[in-house]
């Protein structure tokens, strides 16, 4: 039973020493520091990529909201122009516009002309 306690306390001391070594930065200057530096540089590059990706996503979200607002504005402008066009195409508006130029609607209705071709 004392062996188990000895092993547990030994592991606990090693973990404590390892934690203090990380806090003090000894892992950066030790003999195998090169692999630690490689890992730190790799993590830094991943962090930079994540930050860049986040900024890119934010830009896209802002662009989408700006384009949605522009689409709403253009739709309302389309409805207004279509309403004006429908009013301008009304027969009463056309008659009023042509009266100012001296033109009036015909009193006789139009006649249909039919052309019949004879086959030889």
PDB file of N, CA and C in Angstrom:
ATOM      1  N   UNK A   1       0.810  -1.189   0.000  1.00  0.00           N
ATOM      2  CA  UNK A   1       0.000   0.000   0.000  1.00  0.00           C
ATOM      3  C   UNK A   1       0.858   1.260   0.000  1.00  0.00           C
ATOM      4  N   UNK A   2       1.989   1.243   0.624  1.00  0.00           N
ATOM      5  CA  UNK A   2       2.872   2.398   0.645  1.00  0.00           C
ATOM      6  C   UNK A   2       3.471   2.645  -0.745  1.00  0.00           C
ATOM      7  N   UNK A   3       3.621   1.601  -1.541  1.00  0.00           N
ATOM      8  CA  UNK A   3       4.133   1.749  -2.905  1.00  0.00           C
ATOM      9  C   UNK A   3       3.144   2.555  -3.737  1.00  0.00           C
ATOM     10  N   UNK A   4       1.874   2.280  -3.561  1.00  0.00           N
ATOM     11  CA  UNK A   4       0.841   3.005  -4.300  1.00  0.00           C
ATOM     12  C   UNK A   4       0.856   4.486  -3.923  1.00  0.00           C
ATOM     13  N   UNK A   5       0.965   4.806  -2.653  1.00  0.00           N
ATOM     14  CA  UNK A   5       1.011   6.189  -2.212  1.00  0.00           C
ATOM     15  C   UNK A   5       2.272   6.868  -2.713  1.00  0.00           C
ATOM     16  N   UNK A   6       3.372   6.142  -2.717  1.00  0.00           N
ATOM     17  CA  UNK A   6       4.631   6.699  -3.186  1.00  0.00           C
ATOM     18  C   UNK A   6       4.522   7.026  -4.672  1.00  0.00           C
ATOM     19  N   UNK A   7       3.935   6.151  -5.433  1.00  0.00           N
ATOM     20  CA  UNK A   7       3.776   6.363  -6.864  1.00  0.00           C
ATOM     21  C   UNK A   7       2.850   7.545  -7.112  1.00  0.00           C
ATOM     22  N   UNK A   8       1.781   7.637  -6.366  1.00  0.00           N
ATOM     23  CA  UNK A   8       0.830   8.730  -6.538  1.00  0.00           C
ATOM     24  C   UNK A   8       1.487  10.071  -6.213  1.00  0.00           C
ATOM     25  N   UNK A   9       2.211  10.136  -5.122  1.00  0.00           N
ATOM     26  CA  UNK A   9       2.868  11.396  -4.751  1.00  0.00           C
ATOM     27  C   UNK A   9       3.967  11.746  -5.747  1.00  0.00           C
ATOM     28  N   UNK A  10       4.637  10.729  -6.262  1.00  0.00           N
ATOM     29  CA  UNK A  10       5.685  10.974  -7.259  1.00  0.00           C
ATOM     30  C   UNK A  10       5.071  11.551  -8.546  1.00  0.00           C
ATOM     31  N   UNK A  11       3.954  10.993  -8.991  1.00  0.00           N
ATOM     32  CA  UNK A  11       3.263  11.491 -10.195  1.00  0.00           C
ATOM     33  C   UNK A  11       2.764  12.909  -9.953  1.00  0.00           C
ATOM     34  N   UNK A  12       2.239  13.137  -8.782  1.00  0.00           N
ATOM     35  CA  UNK A  12       1.719  14.458  -8.451  1.00  0.00           C
ATOM     36  C   UNK A  12       2.833  15.498  -8.455  1.00  0.00           C
ATOM     37  N   UNK A  13       4.012  15.136  -7.906  1.00  0.00           N
ATOM     38  CA  UNK A  13       5.149  16.048  -7.887  1.00  0.00           C
ATOM     39  C   UNK A  13       5.628  16.326  -9.306  1.00  0.00           C
ATOM     40  N   UNK A  14       5.676  15.294 -10.152  1.00  0.00           N
ATOM     41  CA  UNK A  14       6.102  15.475 -11.531  1.00  0.00           C
ATOM     42  C   UNK A  14       5.142  16.394 -12.296  1.00  0.00           C
ATOM     43  N   UNK A  15       3.828  16.225 -12.076  1.00  0.00           N
ATOM     44  CA  UNK A  15       2.840  17.092 -12.721  1.00  0.00           C
ATOM     45  C   UNK A  15       3.002  18.531 -12.248  1.00  0.00           C
ATOM     46  N   UNK A  16       3.244  18.699 -10.970  1.00  0.00           N
ATOM     47  CA  UNK A  16       3.433  20.036 -10.414  1.00  0.00           C
ATOM     48  C   UNK A  16       4.681  20.682 -11.006  1.00  0.00           C
ATOM     49  N   UNK A  17       5.758  19.927 -11.084  1.00  0.00           N
ATOM     50  CA  UNK A  17       7.004  20.454 -11.683  1.00  0.00           C
ATOM     51  C   UNK A  17       6.795  20.787 -13.157  1.00  0.00           C
ATOM     52  N   UNK A  18       6.059  19.937 -13.868  1.00  0.00           N
ATOM     53  CA  UNK A  18       5.781  20.188 -15.290  1.00  0.00           C
ATOM     54  C   UNK A  18       4.973  21.459 -15.480  1.00  0.00           C
ATOM     55  N   UNK A  19       4.006  21.674 -14.607  1.00  0.00           N
ATOM     56  CA  UNK A  19       3.186  22.887 -14.687  1.00  0.00           C
ATOM     57  C   UNK A  19       4.045  24.128 -14.440  1.00  0.00           C
ATOM     58  N   UNK A  20       4.906  24.064 -13.426  1.00  0.00           N
ATOM     59  CA  UNK A  20       5.778  25.206 -13.136  1.00  0.00           C
ATOM     60  C   UNK A  20       6.761  25.453 -14.279  1.00  0.00           C
ATOM     61  N   UNK A  21       7.239  24.384 -14.901  1.00  0.00           N
ATOM     62  CA  UNK A  21       8.151  24.550 -16.049  1.00  0.00           C
ATOM     63  C   UNK A  21       7.440  25.253 -17.210  1.00  0.00           C
ATOM     64  N   UNK A  22       6.166  24.944 -17.427  1.00  0.00           N
ATOM     65  CA  UNK A  22       5.395  25.605 -18.490  1.00  0.00           C
ATOM     66  C   UNK A  22       5.207  27.082 -18.148  1.00  0.00           C
ATOM     67  N   UNK A  23       4.858  27.356 -16.884  1.00  0.00           N
ATOM     68  CA  UNK A  23       4.649  28.741 -16.456  1.00  0.00           C
ATOM     69  C   UNK A  23       5.948  29.551 -16.581  1.00  0.00           C
ATOM     70  N   UNK A  24       7.068  28.959 -16.201  1.00  0.00           N
ATOM     71  CA  UNK A  24       8.357  29.661 -16.256  1.00  0.00           C
ATOM     72  C   UNK A  24       8.915  29.739 -17.675  1.00  0.00           C
ATOM     73  N   UNK A  25       8.402  28.916 -18.594  1.00  0.00           N
ATOM     74  CA  UNK A  25       8.865  28.943 -19.971  1.00  0.00           C
ATOM     75  C   UNK A  25      10.093  28.088 -20.214  1.00  0.00           C
ATOM     76  N   UNK A  26      10.387  27.171 -19.339  1.00  0.00           N
ATOM     77  CA  UNK A  26      11.575  26.322 -19.508  1.00  0.00           C
ATOM     78  C   UNK A  26      11.443  25.409 -20.734  1.00  0.00           C
ATOM     79  N   UNK A  27      10.226  25.134 -21.163  1.00  0.00           N
ATOM     80  CA  UNK A  27      10.033  24.261 -22.323  1.00  0.00           C
ATOM     81  C   UNK A  27      10.506  24.937 -23.608  1.00  0.00           C
ATOM     82  N   UNK A  28      10.710  26.262 -23.558  1.00  0.00           N
ATOM     83  CA  UNK A  28      11.166  26.982 -24.746  1.00  0.00           C
ATOM     84  C   UNK A  28      12.684  26.995 -24.888  1.00  0.00           C
ATOM     85  N   UNK A  29      13.394  26.734 -23.805  1.00  0.00           N
ATOM     86  CA  UNK A  29      14.857  26.786 -23.847  1.00  0.00           C
ATOM     87  C   UNK A  29      15.509  25.445 -23.517  1.00  0.00           C
ATOM     88  N   UNK A  30      14.727  24.420 -23.366  1.00  0.00           N
ATOM     89  CA  UNK A  30      15.287  23.105 -23.039  1.00  0.00           C
ATOM     90  C   UNK A  30      15.930  22.491 -24.273  1.00  0.00           C
ATOM     91  N   UNK A  31      16.471  21.283 -24.121  1.00  0.00           N
ATOM     92  CA  UNK A  31      17.183  20.619 -25.214  1.00  0.00           C
ATOM     93  C   UNK A  31      16.270  20.287 -26.383  1.00  0.00           C
ATOM     94  N   UNK A  32      15.041  19.901 -26.124  1.00  0.00           N
ATOM     95  CA  UNK A  32      14.106  19.558 -27.210  1.00  0.00           C
ATOM     96  C   UNK A  32      13.130  20.707 -27.501  1.00  0.00           C
ATOM     97  N   UNK A  33      13.626  21.925 -27.365  1.00  0.00           N
ATOM     98  CA  UNK A  33      12.782  23.106 -27.559  1.00  0.00           C
ATOM     99  C   UNK A  33      12.386  23.302 -29.022  1.00  0.00           C
ATOM    100  N   UNK A  34      13.148  22.754 -29.970  1.00  0.00           N
ATOM    101  CA  UNK A  34      12.857  22.944 -31.388  1.00  0.00           C
ATOM    102  C   UNK A  34      11.472  22.406 -31.744  1.00  0.00           C
ATOM    103  N   UNK A  35      11.141  21.217 -31.259  1.00  0.00           N
ATOM    104  CA  UNK A  35       9.818  20.676 -31.566  1.00  0.00           C
ATOM    105  C   UNK A  35       8.728  21.486 -30.878  1.00  0.00           C
ATOM    106  N   UNK A  36       9.016  22.036 -29.690  1.00  0.00           N
ATOM    107  CA  UNK A  36       8.040  22.907 -29.031  1.00  0.00           C
ATOM    108  C   UNK A  36       7.827  24.180 -29.832  1.00  0.00           C
ATOM    109  N   UNK A  37       8.899  24.768 -30.335  1.00  0.00           N
ATOM    110  CA  UNK A  37       8.782  25.987 -31.143  1.00  0.00           C
ATOM    111  C   UNK A  37       8.006  25.716 -32.419  1.00  0.00           C
ATOM    112  N   UNK A  38       8.255  24.579 -33.044  1.00  0.00           N
ATOM    113  CA  UNK A  38       7.509  24.219 -34.258  1.00  0.00           C
ATOM    114  C   UNK A  38       6.011  24.155 -33.962  1.00  0.00           C
ATOM    115  N   UNK A  39       5.672  23.536 -32.849  1.00  0.00           N
ATOM    116  CA  UNK A  39       4.267  23.417 -32.476  1.00  0.00           C
ATOM    117  C   UNK A  39       3.661  24.788 -32.179  1.00  0.00           C
ATOM    118  N   UNK A  40       4.406  25.646 -31.480  1.00  0.00           N
ATOM    119  CA  UNK A  40       3.921  26.994 -31.161  1.00  0.00           C
ATOM    120  C   UNK A  40       3.719  27.793 -32.442  1.00  0.00           C
ATOM    121  N   UNK A  41       4.650  27.703 -33.378  1.00  0.00           N
ATOM    122  CA  UNK A  41       4.513  28.417 -34.658  1.00  0.00           C
ATOM    123  C   UNK A  41       3.318  27.879 -35.435  1.00  0.00           C
ATOM    124  N   UNK A  42       3.135  26.557 -35.420  1.00  0.00           N
ATOM    125  CA  UNK A  42       1.984  25.954 -36.086  1.00  0.00           C
ATOM    126  C   UNK A  42       0.677  26.470 -35.485  1.00  0.00           C
ATOM    127  N   UNK A  43       0.592  26.510 -34.160  1.00  0.00           N
ATOM    128  CA  UNK A  43      -0.617  27.023 -33.495  1.00  0.00           C
ATOM    129  C   UNK A  43      -0.833  28.501 -33.811  1.00  0.00           C
ATOM    130  N   UNK A  44       0.262  29.263 -33.885  1.00  0.00           N
ATOM    131  CA  UNK A  44       0.140  30.689 -34.221  1.00  0.00           C
ATOM    132  C   UNK A  44      -0.395  30.869 -35.630  1.00  0.00           C
ATOM    133  N   UNK A  45       0.091  30.071 -36.568  1.00  0.00           N
ATOM    134  CA  UNK A  45      -0.404  30.147 -37.947  1.00  0.00           C
ATOM    135  C   UNK A  45      -1.880  29.775 -38.010  1.00  0.00           C
ATOM    136  N   UNK A  46      -2.267  28.745 -37.279  1.00  0.00           N
ATOM    137  CA  UNK A  46      -3.689  28.378 -37.243  1.00  0.00           C
ATOM    138  C   UNK A  46      -4.537  29.508 -36.668  1.00  0.00           C
ATOM    139  N   UNK A  47      -4.039  30.172 -35.644  1.00  0.00           N
ATOM    140  CA  UNK A  47      -4.779  31.287 -35.042  1.00  0.00           C
ATOM    141  C   UNK A  47      -4.918  32.425 -36.045  1.00  0.00           C
ATOM    142  N   UNK A  48      -3.850  32.722 -36.797  1.00  0.00           N
ATOM    143  CA  UNK A  48      -3.919  33.777 -37.815  1.00  0.00           C
ATOM    144  C   UNK A  48      -4.914  33.424 -38.912  1.00  0.00           C
ATOM    145  N   UNK A  49      -4.921  32.174 -39.310  1.00  0.00           N
ATOM    146  CA  UNK A  49      -5.873  31.736 -40.342  1.00  0.00           C
ATOM    147  C   UNK A  49      -7.303  31.864 -39.824  1.00  0.00           C
ATOM    148  N   UNK A  50      -7.530  31.490 -38.573  1.00  0.00           N
ATOM    149  CA  UNK A  50      -8.869  31.607 -37.996  1.00  0.00           C
ATOM    150  C   UNK A  50      -9.310  33.070 -37.914  1.00  0.00           C
ATOM    151  N   UNK A  51      -8.400  33.959 -37.531  1.00  0.00           N
ATOM    152  CA  UNK A  51      -8.736  35.381 -37.439  1.00  0.00           C
ATOM    153  C   UNK A  51      -9.069  35.926 -38.822  1.00  0.00           C
ATOM    154  N   UNK A  52      -8.251  35.580 -39.815  1.00  0.00           N
ATOM    155  CA  UNK A  52      -8.513  36.025 -41.183  1.00  0.00           C
ATOM    156  C   UNK A  52      -9.841  35.504 -41.702  1.00  0.00           C
ATOM    157  N   UNK A  53     -10.130  34.266 -41.419  1.00  0.00           N
ATOM    158  CA  UNK A  53     -11.400  33.668 -41.847  1.00  0.00           C
ATOM    159  C   UNK A  53     -12.581  34.366 -41.178  1.00  0.00           C
ATOM    160  N   UNK A  54     -12.441  34.694 -39.918  1.00  0.00           N
ATOM    161  CA  UNK A  54     -13.501  35.397 -39.198  1.00  0.00           C
ATOM    162  C   UNK A  54     -13.748  36.780 -39.795  1.00  0.00           C
ATOM    163  N   UNK A  55     -12.665  37.495 -40.106  1.00  0.00           N
ATOM    164  CA  UNK A  55     -12.815  38.820 -40.719  1.00  0.00           C
ATOM    165  C   UNK A  55     -13.473  38.715 -42.093  1.00  0.00           C
ATOM    166  N   UNK A  56     -13.081  37.711 -42.842  1.00  0.00           N
ATOM    167  CA  UNK A  56     -13.674  37.505 -44.171  1.00  0.00           C
ATOM    168  C   UNK A  56     -15.168  37.217 -44.052  1.00  0.00           C
ATOM    169  N   UNK A  57     -15.539  36.391 -43.097  1.00  0.00           N
ATOM    170  CA  UNK A  57     -16.961  36.071 -42.892  1.00  0.00           C
ATOM    171  C   UNK A  57     -17.738  37.322 -42.474  1.00  0.00           C
ATOM    172  N   UNK A  58     -17.149  38.136 -41.604  1.00  0.00           N
ATOM    173  CA  UNK A  58     -17.820  39.381 -41.191  1.00  0.00           C
ATOM    174  C   UNK A  58     -18.029  40.310 -42.382  1.00  0.00           C
ATOM    175  N   UNK A  59     -17.019  40.435 -43.241  1.00  0.00           N
ATOM    176  CA  UNK A  59     -17.156  41.280 -44.433  1.00  0.00           C
ATOM    177  C   UNK A  59     -18.284  40.776 -45.323  1.00  0.00           C
ATOM    178  N   UNK A  60     -18.372  39.475 -45.485  1.00  0.00           N
ATOM    179  CA  UNK A  60     -19.423  38.899 -46.327  1.00  0.00           C
ATOM    180  C   UNK A  60     -20.803  39.144 -45.728  1.00  0.00           C
ATOM    181  N   UNK A  61     -20.931  39.043 -44.415  1.00  0.00           N
ATOM    182  CA  UNK A  61     -22.221  39.290 -43.759  1.00  0.00           C
ATOM    183  C   UNK A  61     -22.644  40.739 -43.973  1.00  0.00           C
ATOM    184  N   UNK A  62     -21.694  41.670 -43.826  1.00  0.00           N
ATOM    185  CA  UNK A  62     -22.018  43.087 -44.037  1.00  0.00           C
ATOM    186  C   UNK A  62     -22.400  43.350 -45.489  1.00  0.00           C
ATOM    187  N   UNK A  63     -21.697  42.716 -46.412  1.00  0.00           N
ATOM    188  CA  UNK A  63     -22.001  42.902 -47.837  1.00  0.00           C
ATOM    189  C   UNK A  63     -23.390  42.347 -48.155  1.00  0.00           C
ATOM    190  N   UNK A  64     -23.724  41.197 -47.590  1.00  0.00           N
ATOM    191  CA  UNK A  64     -25.042  40.592 -47.824  1.00  0.00           C
ATOM    192  C   UNK A  64     -26.139  41.499 -47.296  1.00  0.00           C
ATOM    193  N   UNK A  65     -25.960  42.065 -46.111  1.00  0.00           N
ATOM    194  CA  UNK A  65     -27.006  42.943 -45.562  1.00  0.00           C
ATOM    195  C   UNK A  65     -27.132  44.214 -46.390  1.00  0.00           C
ATOM    196  N   UNK A  66     -25.999  44.753 -46.878  1.00  0.00           N
ATOM    197  CA  UNK A  66     -26.053  45.942 -47.725  1.00  0.00           C
ATOM    198  C   UNK A  66     -26.768  45.636 -49.035  1.00  0.00           C
ATOM    199  N   UNK A  67     -26.477  44.483 -49.623  1.00  0.00           N
ATOM    200  CA  UNK A  67     -27.131  44.100 -50.881  1.00  0.00           C
ATOM    201  C   UNK A  67     -28.619  43.827 -50.674  1.00  0.00           C
ATOM    202  N   UNK A  68     -28.992  43.253 -49.538  1.00  0.00           N
ATOM    203  CA  UNK A  68     -30.415  43.032 -49.251  1.00  0.00           C
ATOM    204  C   UNK A  68     -31.163  44.353 -49.147  1.00  0.00           C
ATOM    205  N   UNK A  69     -30.536  45.338 -48.498  1.00  0.00           N
ATOM    206  CA  UNK A  69     -31.166  46.659 -48.397  1.00  0.00           C
ATOM    207  C   UNK A  69     -31.308  47.283 -49.786  1.00  0.00           C
ATOM    208  N   UNK A  70     -30.287  47.107 -50.624  1.00  0.00           N
ATOM    209  CA  UNK A  70     -30.344  47.641 -51.989  1.00  0.00           C
ATOM    210  C   UNK A  70     -31.437  46.957 -52.803  1.00  0.00           C
ATOM    211  N   UNK A  71     -31.603  45.661 -52.625  1.00  0.00           N
ATOM    212  CA  UNK A  71     -32.650  44.923 -53.337  1.00  0.00           C
ATOM    213  C   UNK A  71     -34.032  45.433 -52.917  1.00  0.00           C
ATOM    214  N   UNK A  72     -34.228  45.665 -51.624  1.00  0.00           N
ATOM    215  CA  UNK A  72     -35.515  46.185 -51.156  1.00  0.00           C
ATOM    216  C   UNK A  72     -35.802  47.553 -51.762  1.00  0.00           C
ATOM    217  N   UNK A  73     -34.772  48.404 -51.813  1.00  0.00           N
ATOM    218  CA  UNK A  73     -34.938  49.739 -52.385  1.00  0.00           C
ATOM    219  C   UNK A  73     -35.284  49.655 -53.875  1.00  0.00           C
ATOM    220  N   UNK A  74     -34.592  48.778 -54.597  1.00  0.00           N
ATOM    221  CA  UNK A  74     -34.855  48.632 -56.032  1.00  0.00           C
ATOM    222  C   UNK A  74     -36.240  48.042 -56.295  1.00  0.00           C
ATOM    223  N   UNK A  75     -36.686  47.137 -55.432  1.00  0.00           N
ATOM    224  CA  UNK A  75     -38.035  46.572 -55.597  1.00  0.00           C
ATOM    225  C   UNK A  75     -39.098  47.654 -55.422  1.00  0.00           C
ATOM    226  N   UNK A  76     -38.910  48.511 -54.423  1.00  0.00           N
ATOM    227  CA  UNK A  76     -39.904  49.574 -54.224  1.00  0.00           C
ATOM    228  C   UNK A  76     -39.869  50.563 -55.388  1.00  0.00           C
ATOM    229  N   UNK A  77     -38.681  50.852 -55.906  1.00  0.00           N
ATOM    230  CA  UNK A  77     -38.576  51.736 -57.071  1.00  0.00           C
ATOM    231  C   UNK A  77     -39.257  51.101 -58.288  1.00  0.00           C
ATOM    232  N   UNK A  78     -39.103  49.785 -58.456  1.00  0.00           N
ATOM    233  CA  UNK A  78     -39.741  49.071 -59.563  1.00  0.00           C
ATOM    234  C   UNK A  78     -41.264  49.176 -59.461  1.00  0.00           C
ATOM    235  N   UNK A  79     -41.791  49.001 -58.254  1.00  0.00           N
ATOM    236  CA  UNK A  79     -43.246  49.083 -58.069  1.00  0.00           C
ATOM    237  C   UNK A  79     -43.735  50.491 -58.404  1.00  0.00           C
ATOM    238  N   UNK A  80     -43.005  51.516 -57.972  1.00  0.00           N
ATOM    239  CA  UNK A  80     -43.405  52.896 -58.261  1.00  0.00           C
ATOM    240  C   UNK A  80     -43.394  53.171 -59.768  1.00  0.00           C
ATOM    241  N   UNK A  81     -42.334  52.760 -60.443  1.00  0.00           N
ATOM    242  CA  UNK A  81     -42.229  53.002 -61.892  1.00  0.00           C
ATOM    243  C   UNK A  81     -43.302  52.229 -62.641  1.00  0.00           C
ATOM    244  N   UNK A  82     -43.576  51.008 -62.213  1.00  0.00           N
ATOM    245  CA  UNK A  82     -44.614  50.206 -62.867  1.00  0.00           C
ATOM    246  C   UNK A  82     -45.987  50.855 -62.697  1.00  0.00           C
ATOM    247  N   UNK A  83     -46.247  51.413 -61.525  1.00  0.00           N
ATOM    248  CA  UNK A  83     -47.516  52.093 -61.292  1.00  0.00           C
ATOM    249  C   UNK A  83     -47.637  53.322 -62.208  1.00  0.00           C
ATOM    250  N   UNK A  84     -46.552  54.089 -62.328  1.00  0.00           N
ATOM    251  CA  UNK A  84     -46.575  55.253 -63.217  1.00  0.00           C
ATOM    252  C   UNK A  84     -46.797  54.837 -64.672  1.00  0.00           C
ATOM    253  N   UNK A  85     -46.169  53.755 -65.084  1.00  0.00           N
ATOM    254  CA  UNK A  85     -46.333  53.257 -66.450  1.00  0.00           C
ATOM    255  C   UNK A  85     -47.771  52.813 -66.693  1.00  0.00           C
ATOM    256  N   UNK A  86     -48.348  52.113 -65.736  1.00  0.00           N
ATOM    257  CA  UNK A  86     -49.736  51.660 -65.892  1.00  0.00           C
ATOM    258  C   UNK A  86     -50.678  52.863 -66.007  1.00  0.00           C
ATOM    259  N   UNK A  87     -50.411  53.907 -65.232  1.00  0.00           N
ATOM    260  CA  UNK A  87     -51.245  55.100 -65.329  1.00  0.00           C
ATOM    261  C   UNK A  87     -51.052  55.796 -66.667  1.00  0.00           C
ATOM    262  N   UNK A  88     -49.802  55.847 -67.166  1.00  0.00           N
ATOM    263  CA  UNK A  88     -49.529  56.513 -68.440  1.00  0.00           C
ATOM    264  C   UNK A  88     -50.157  55.751 -69.603  1.00  0.00           C
ATOM    265  N   UNK A  89     -50.355  54.455 -69.473  1.00  0.00           N
ATOM    266  CA  UNK A  89     -50.920  53.638 -70.549  1.00  0.00           C
ATOM    267  C   UNK A  89     -52.446  53.659 -70.564  1.00  0.00           C
ATOM    268  N   UNK A  90     -53.051  54.260 -69.556  1.00  0.00           N
ATOM    269  CA  UNK A  90     -54.518  54.299 -69.513  1.00  0.00           C
ATOM    270  C   UNK A  90     -55.042  55.147 -70.676  1.00  0.00           C
ATOM    271  N   UNK A  91     -56.139  54.712 -71.260  1.00  0.00           N
ATOM    272  CA  UNK A  91     -56.706  55.380 -72.444  1.00  0.00           C
ATOM    273  C   UNK A  91     -57.069  56.833 -72.144  1.00  0.00           C
ATOM    274  N   UNK A  92     -57.602  57.073 -70.969  1.00  0.00           N
ATOM    275  CA  UNK A  92     -58.002  58.447 -70.633  1.00  0.00           C
ATOM    276  C   UNK A  92     -56.787  59.375 -70.558  1.00  0.00           C
ATOM    277  N   UNK A  93     -55.667  58.896 -70.050  1.00  0.00           N
ATOM    278  CA  UNK A  93     -54.451  59.714 -69.976  1.00  0.00           C
ATOM    279  C   UNK A  93     -53.906  59.991 -71.375  1.00  0.00           C
ATOM    280  N   UNK A  94     -53.944  58.973 -72.243  1.00  0.00           N
ATOM    281  CA  UNK A  94     -53.448  59.146 -73.613  1.00  0.00           C
ATOM    282  C   UNK A  94     -54.321  60.150 -74.365  1.00  0.00           C
ATOM    283  N   UNK A  95     -55.659  60.054 -74.202  1.00  0.00           N
ATOM    284  CA  UNK A  95     -56.576  60.989 -74.876  1.00  0.00           C
ATOM    285  C   UNK A  95     -56.308  62.417 -74.398  1.00  0.00           C
ATOM    286  N   UNK A  96     -56.121  62.605 -73.091  1.00  0.00           N
ATOM    287  CA  UNK A  96     -55.865  63.941 -72.547  1.00  0.00           C
ATOM    288  C   UNK A  96     -54.550  64.492 -73.074  1.00  0.00           C
ATOM    289  N   UNK A  97     -53.525  63.649 -73.194  1.00  0.00           N
ATOM    290  CA  UNK A  97     -52.231  64.112 -73.694  1.00  0.00           C
ATOM    291  C   UNK A  97     -52.311  64.482 -75.167  1.00  0.00           C
ATOM    292  N   UNK A  98     -53.090  63.742 -75.951  1.00  0.00           N
ATOM    293  CA  UNK A  98     -53.178  64.011 -77.389  1.00  0.00           C
ATOM    294  C   UNK A  98     -54.078  65.204 -77.689  1.00  0.00           C
ATOM    295  N   UNK A  99     -55.050  65.500 -76.819  1.00  0.00           N
ATOM    296  CA  UNK A  99     -55.905  66.667 -77.028  1.00  0.00           C
ATOM    297  C   UNK A  99     -55.100  67.958 -76.964  1.00  0.00           C
ATOM    298  N   UNK A 100     -54.070  67.978 -76.138  1.00  0.00           N
ATOM    299  CA  UNK A 100     -53.235  69.182 -76.050  1.00  0.00           C
ATOM    300  C   UNK A 100     -52.454  69.398 -77.350  1.00  0.00           C
ATOM    301  N   UNK A 101     -52.281  68.357 -78.140  1.00  0.00           N
ATOM    302  CA  UNK A 101     -51.598  68.463 -79.431  1.00  0.00           C
ATOM    303  C   UNK A 101     -52.588  68.632 -80.587  1.00  0.00           C
ATOM    304  N   UNK A 102     -53.847  68.616 -80.274  1.00  0.00           N
ATOM    305  CA  UNK A 102     -54.866  68.806 -81.307  1.00  0.00           C
ATOM    306  C   UNK A 102     -55.385  67.511 -81.903  1.00  0.00           C
ATOM    307  N   UNK A 103     -55.046  66.376 -81.350  1.00  0.00           N
ATOM    308  CA  UNK A 103     -55.535  65.084 -81.852  1.00  0.00           C
ATOM    309  C   UNK A 103     -56.706  64.622 -80.994  1.00  0.00           C
ATOM    310  N   UNK A 104     -57.672  63.983 -81.664  1.00  0.00           N
ATOM    311  CA  UNK A 104     -58.838  63.451 -80.958  1.00  0.00           C
ATOM    312  C   UNK A 104     -59.065  62.016 -81.403  1.00  0.00           C
ATOM    313  N   UNK A 105     -59.739  61.238 -80.568  1.00  0.00           N
ATOM    314  CA  UNK A 105     -60.003  59.855 -80.964  1.00  0.00           C
ATOM    315  C   UNK A 105     -60.933  59.807 -82.186  1.00  0.00           C
ATOM    316  N   UNK A 106     -60.777  58.768 -82.962  1.00  0.00           N
ATOM    317  CA  UNK A 106     -61.578  58.595 -84.178  1.00  0.00           C
ATOM    318  C   UNK A 106     -63.036  58.342 -83.814  1.00  0.00           C
ATOM    319  N   UNK A 107     -63.926  58.945 -84.604  1.00  0.00           N
ATOM    320  CA  UNK A 107     -65.360  58.746 -84.371  1.00  0.00           C
ATOM    321  C   UNK A 107     -65.835  57.441 -84.988  1.00  0.00           C
ATOM    322  N   UNK A 108     -65.163  56.984 -86.044  1.00  0.00           N
ATOM    323  CA  UNK A 108     -65.546  55.722 -86.679  1.00  0.00           C
ATOM    324  C   UNK A 108     -64.625  54.623 -86.176  1.00  0.00           C
ATOM    325  N   UNK A 109     -65.208  53.508 -85.868  1.00  0.00           N
ATOM    326  CA  UNK A 109     -64.381  52.408 -85.359  1.00  0.00           C
ATOM    327  C   UNK A 109     -63.507  51.831 -86.484  1.00  0.00           C
ATOM    328  N   UNK A 110     -62.432  51.196 -86.148  1.00  0.00           N
ATOM    329  CA  UNK A 110     -61.559  50.608 -87.166  1.00  0.00           C
ATOM    330  C   UNK A 110     -62.244  49.424 -87.848  1.00  0.00           C
ATOM    331  N   UNK A 111     -61.854  49.163 -89.117  1.00  0.00           N
ATOM    332  CA  UNK A 111     -62.409  48.038 -89.858  1.00  0.00           C
ATOM    333  C   UNK A 111     -61.312  47.005 -90.044  1.00  0.00           C
ATOM    334  N   UNK A 112     -61.721  45.792 -90.045  1.00  0.00           N
ATOM    335  CA  UNK A 112     -60.792  44.687 -90.209  1.00  0.00           C
ATOM    336  C   UNK A 112     -60.677  44.365 -91.687  1.00  0.00           C
ATOM    337  N   UNK A 113     -59.445  44.243 -92.169  1.00  0.00           N
ATOM    338  CA  UNK A 113     -59.196  43.908 -93.554  1.00  0.00           C
ATOM    339  C   UNK A 113     -58.690  42.476 -93.587  1.00  0.00           C
ATOM    340  N   UNK A 114     -59.363  41.653 -94.374  1.00  0.00           N
ATOM    341  CA  UNK A 114     -58.953  40.241 -94.498  1.00  0.00           C
ATOM    342  C   UNK A 114     -58.422  40.012 -95.907  1.00  0.00           C
ATOM    343  N   UNK A 115     -57.293  39.402 -95.991  1.00  0.00           N
ATOM    344  CA  UNK A 115     -56.671  39.075 -97.272  1.00  0.00           C
ATOM    345  C   UNK A 115     -56.782  37.572 -97.470  1.00  0.00           C
ATOM    346  N   UNK A 116     -57.392  37.169 -98.563  1.00  0.00           N
ATOM    347  CA  UNK A 116     -57.538  35.753 -98.846  1.00  0.00           C
ATOM    348  C   UNK A 116     -56.677  35.438-100.071  1.00  0.00           C
ATOM    349  N   UNK A 117     -55.774  34.525 -99.904  1.00  0.00           N
ATOM    350  CA  UNK A 117     -54.902  34.145-101.001  1.00  0.00           C
ATOM    351  C   UNK A 117     -55.521  32.955-101.746  1.00  0.00           C
ATOM    352  N   UNK A 118     -55.474  33.015-103.053  1.00  0.00           N
ATOM    353  CA  UNK A 118     -55.972  31.895-103.859  1.00  0.00           C
ATOM    354  C   UNK A 118     -54.800  30.985-104.207  1.00  0.00           C
ATOM    355  N   UNK A 119     -54.995  29.731-104.009  1.00  0.00           N
ATOM    356  CA  UNK A 119     -53.951  28.769-104.328  1.00  0.00           C
ATOM    357  C   UNK A 119     -54.173  28.238-105.735  1.00  0.00           C
ATOM    358  N   UNK A 120     -53.173  28.177-106.550  1.00  0.00           N
ATOM    359  CA  UNK A 120     -53.272  27.683-107.925  1.00  0.00           C
ATOM    360  C   UNK A 120     -53.138  26.211-108.035  1.00  0.00           C
TER     361      UNK A 120
END
